[in-house]
Amino acid sequence: MKKKYKNTGTLEELILSSLKTDEDIKEWLTISFEEFIEDDDIVAFSKTLEYAIKAKNFINEISSDKNILQNNFYAMCDGREQLQVNTILKIIKELGYSLRIY
């Protein structure tokens, strides 16, 4: 007999529920950036930034304060446009974090 599971929500809801604190978000971004350095998957890293922005409820602030139009931002997040390094750094800074190389 198959077990039946209640609808537990979407993957996005699961991820966002695990990003409750700044420490959670920093760890999420750090791990993703390290993976990006290894595999060069900008789409995956863009998704990580998107979830971090959503977790901090910064979508409107990011798109208006840093001259990143919402349509362009979503195009970057879903891989239709490639993120530029300066855009990545602006988003990370706006989220209240910095990039450390060691």
C-alpha atoms as a PDB file:
ATOM      1  CA  MET A   1       0.000   0.000   0.000  1.00  0.00           C
ATOM      2  CA  LYS A   2       1.308   3.451  -0.965  1.00  0.00           C
ATOM      3  CA  LYS A   3       1.611   6.078   1.722  1.00  0.00           C
ATOM      4  CA  LYS A   4      -0.245   9.262   1.018  1.00  0.00           C
ATOM      5  CA  TYR A   5       1.367  12.544   1.982  1.00  0.00           C
ATOM      6  CA  LYS A   6      -0.385  15.795   2.565  1.00  0.00           C
ATOM      7  CA  ASN A   7       0.526  18.598   0.213  1.00  0.00           C
ATOM      8  CA  THR A   8       3.646  20.017   1.811  1.00  0.00           C
ATOM      9  CA  GLY A   9       3.917  23.044  -0.457  1.00  0.00           C
ATOM     10  CA  THR A  10       6.225  24.043  -3.244  1.00  0.00           C
ATOM     11  CA  LEU A  11       9.988  23.769  -3.325  1.00  0.00           C
ATOM     12  CA  GLU A  12      10.163  27.554  -3.106  1.00  0.00           C
ATOM     13  CA  GLU A  13       8.012  27.551   0.041  1.00  0.00           C
ATOM     14  CA  LEU A  14      10.239  24.879   1.571  1.00  0.00           C
ATOM     15  CA  ILE A  15      13.406  26.827   0.767  1.00  0.00           C
ATOM     16  CA  LEU A  16      11.999  30.125   2.017  1.00  0.00           C
ATOM     17  CA  SER A  17      10.846  28.499   5.250  1.00  0.00           C
ATOM     18  CA  SER A  18      14.444  27.461   5.905  1.00  0.00           C
ATOM     19  CA  LEU A  19      15.782  31.005   5.329  1.00  0.00           C
ATOM     20  CA  LYS A  20      14.475  32.626   8.511  1.00  0.00           C
ATOM     21  CA  THR A  21      17.542  34.470   9.833  1.00  0.00           C
ATOM     22  CA  ASP A  22      20.386  36.485   8.361  1.00  0.00           C
ATOM     23  CA  GLU A  23      22.717  33.637   9.321  1.00  0.00           C
ATOM     24  CA  ASP A  24      20.576  31.176   7.339  1.00  0.00           C
ATOM     25  CA  ILE A  25      20.650  33.457   4.300  1.00  0.00           C
ATOM     26  CA  LYS A  26      24.403  34.117   4.565  1.00  0.00           C
ATOM     27  CA  GLU A  27      25.110  30.388   4.773  1.00  0.00           C
ATOM     28  CA  TRP A  28      22.792  29.755   1.792  1.00  0.00           C
ATOM     29  CA  LEU A  29      24.573  32.412  -0.289  1.00  0.00           C
ATOM     30  CA  THR A  30      28.044  31.255   0.765  1.00  0.00           C
ATOM     31  CA  ILE A  31      27.397  27.630  -0.156  1.00  0.00           C
ATOM     32  CA  SER A  32      25.835  28.637  -3.463  1.00  0.00           C
ATOM     33  CA  PHE A  33      28.728  30.962  -4.315  1.00  0.00           C
ATOM     34  CA  GLU A  34      31.241  28.206  -3.563  1.00  0.00           C
ATOM     35  CA  GLU A  35      29.276  25.877  -5.850  1.00  0.00           C
ATOM     36  CA  PHE A  36      29.193  28.574  -8.532  1.00  0.00           C
ATOM     37  CA  ILE A  37      32.994  28.847  -8.371  1.00  0.00           C
ATOM     38  CA  GLU A  38      33.174  25.068  -8.865  1.00  0.00           C
ATOM     39  CA  ASP A  39      30.536  24.517 -11.557  1.00  0.00           C
ATOM     40  CA  ASP A  40      30.096  27.964 -13.170  1.00  0.00           C
ATOM     41  CA  ASP A  41      26.285  27.562 -13.059  1.00  0.00           C
ATOM     42  CA  ILE A  42      25.137  31.190 -13.046  1.00  0.00           C
ATOM     43  CA  VAL A  43      21.475  30.171 -13.304  1.00  0.00           C
ATOM     44  CA  ALA A  44      21.676  28.226 -10.025  1.00  0.00           C
ATOM     45  CA  PHE A  45      23.474  31.119  -8.334  1.00  0.00           C
ATOM     46  CA  SER A  46      20.859  33.547  -9.687  1.00  0.00           C
ATOM     47  CA  LYS A  47      18.135  31.380  -8.158  1.00  0.00           C
ATOM     48  CA  THR A  48      19.947  31.512  -4.828  1.00  0.00           C
ATOM     49  CA  LEU A  49      20.004  35.306  -4.989  1.00  0.00           C
ATOM     50  CA  GLU A  50      16.320  35.320  -5.908  1.00  0.00           C
ATOM     51  CA  TYR A  51      15.430  33.203  -2.859  1.00  0.00           C
ATOM     52  CA  ALA A  52      17.603  35.368  -0.598  1.00  0.00           C
ATOM     53  CA  ILE A  53      15.854  38.496  -1.870  1.00  0.00           C
ATOM     54  CA  LYS A  54      12.442  36.916  -1.362  1.00  0.00           C
ATOM     55  CA  ALA A  55      13.388  35.696   2.122  1.00  0.00           C
ATOM     56  CA  LYS A  56      14.314  39.242   3.100  1.00  0.00           C
ATOM     57  CA  ASN A  57      11.272  40.631   1.243  1.00  0.00           C
ATOM     58  CA  PHE A  58      13.532  42.923  -0.796  1.00  0.00           C
ATOM     59  CA  ILE A  59      12.155  42.467  -4.325  1.00  0.00           C
ATOM     60  CA  ASN A  60      10.863  46.024  -4.752  1.00  0.00           C
ATOM     61  CA  GLU A  61      13.847  47.579  -2.981  1.00  0.00           C
ATOM     62  CA  ILE A  62      16.357  45.682  -5.117  1.00  0.00           C
ATOM     63  CA  SER A  63      14.614  46.497  -8.377  1.00  0.00           C
ATOM     64  CA  SER A  64      14.127  50.202  -7.664  1.00  0.00           C
ATOM     65  CA  ASP A  65      17.066  51.194  -5.457  1.00  0.00           C
ATOM     66  CA  LYS A  66      19.698  49.581  -7.644  1.00  0.00           C
ATOM     67  CA  ASN A  67      18.229  50.421 -11.034  1.00  0.00           C
ATOM     68  CA  ILE A  68      17.435  46.781 -11.727  1.00  0.00           C
ATOM     69  CA  LEU A  69      14.004  46.715 -13.340  1.00  0.00           C
ATOM     70  CA  GLN A  70      11.794  43.925 -12.050  1.00  0.00           C
ATOM     71  CA  ASN A  71      11.358  42.394 -15.496  1.00  0.00           C
ATOM     72  CA  ASN A  72      15.113  42.325 -16.014  1.00  0.00           C
ATOM     73  CA  PHE A  73      15.643  40.954 -12.523  1.00  0.00           C
ATOM     74  CA  TYR A  74      13.274  38.046 -13.153  1.00  0.00           C
ATOM     75  CA  ALA A  75      14.871  37.443 -16.550  1.00  0.00           C
ATOM     76  CA  MET A  76      18.227  37.185 -14.771  1.00  0.00           C
ATOM     77  CA  CYS A  77      16.808  34.858 -12.127  1.00  0.00           C
ATOM     78  CA  ASP A  78      15.339  32.418 -14.614  1.00  0.00           C
ATOM     79  CA  GLY A  79      18.426  32.428 -16.819  1.00  0.00           C
ATOM     80  CA  ARG A  80      17.086  34.379 -19.785  1.00  0.00           C
ATOM     81  CA  GLU A  81      19.697  37.064 -19.096  1.00  0.00           C
ATOM     82  CA  GLN A  82      23.072  36.532 -17.518  1.00  0.00           C
ATOM     83  CA  LEU A  83      23.922  38.346 -14.308  1.00  0.00           C
ATOM     84  CA  GLN A  84      26.843  40.708 -14.535  1.00  0.00           C
ATOM     85  CA  VAL A  85      29.389  40.797 -11.708  1.00  0.00           C
ATOM     86  CA  ASN A  86      28.519  44.378 -10.813  1.00  0.00           C
ATOM     87  CA  THR A  87      24.829  43.430 -10.562  1.00  0.00           C
ATOM     88  CA  ILE A  88      25.629  40.471  -8.302  1.00  0.00           C
ATOM     89  CA  LEU A  89      27.730  42.707  -6.054  1.00  0.00           C
ATOM     90  CA  LYS A  90      24.994  45.376  -5.916  1.00  0.00           C
ATOM     91  CA  ILE A  91      22.395  42.794  -4.932  1.00  0.00           C
ATOM     92  CA  ILE A  92      24.630  41.251  -2.269  1.00  0.00           C
ATOM     93  CA  LYS A  93      25.431  44.705  -0.860  1.00  0.00           C
ATOM     94  CA  GLU A  94      21.756  45.737  -0.873  1.00  0.00           C
ATOM     95  CA  LEU A  95      20.916  42.570   1.057  1.00  0.00           C
ATOM     96  CA  GLY A  96      23.386  43.766   3.702  1.00  0.00           C
ATOM     97  CA  TYR A  97      26.178  41.304   2.964  1.00  0.00           C
ATOM     98  CA  SER A  98      29.665  41.521   1.501  1.00  0.00           C
ATOM     99  CA  LEU A  99      31.762  39.196  -0.570  1.00  0.00           C
ATOM    100  CA  ARG A 100      34.857  37.720   1.015  1.00  0.00           C
ATOM    101  CA  ILE A 101      37.618  35.941  -0.839  1.00  0.00           C
ATOM    102  CA  TYR A 102      39.863  33.653   1.172  1.00  0.00           C
END
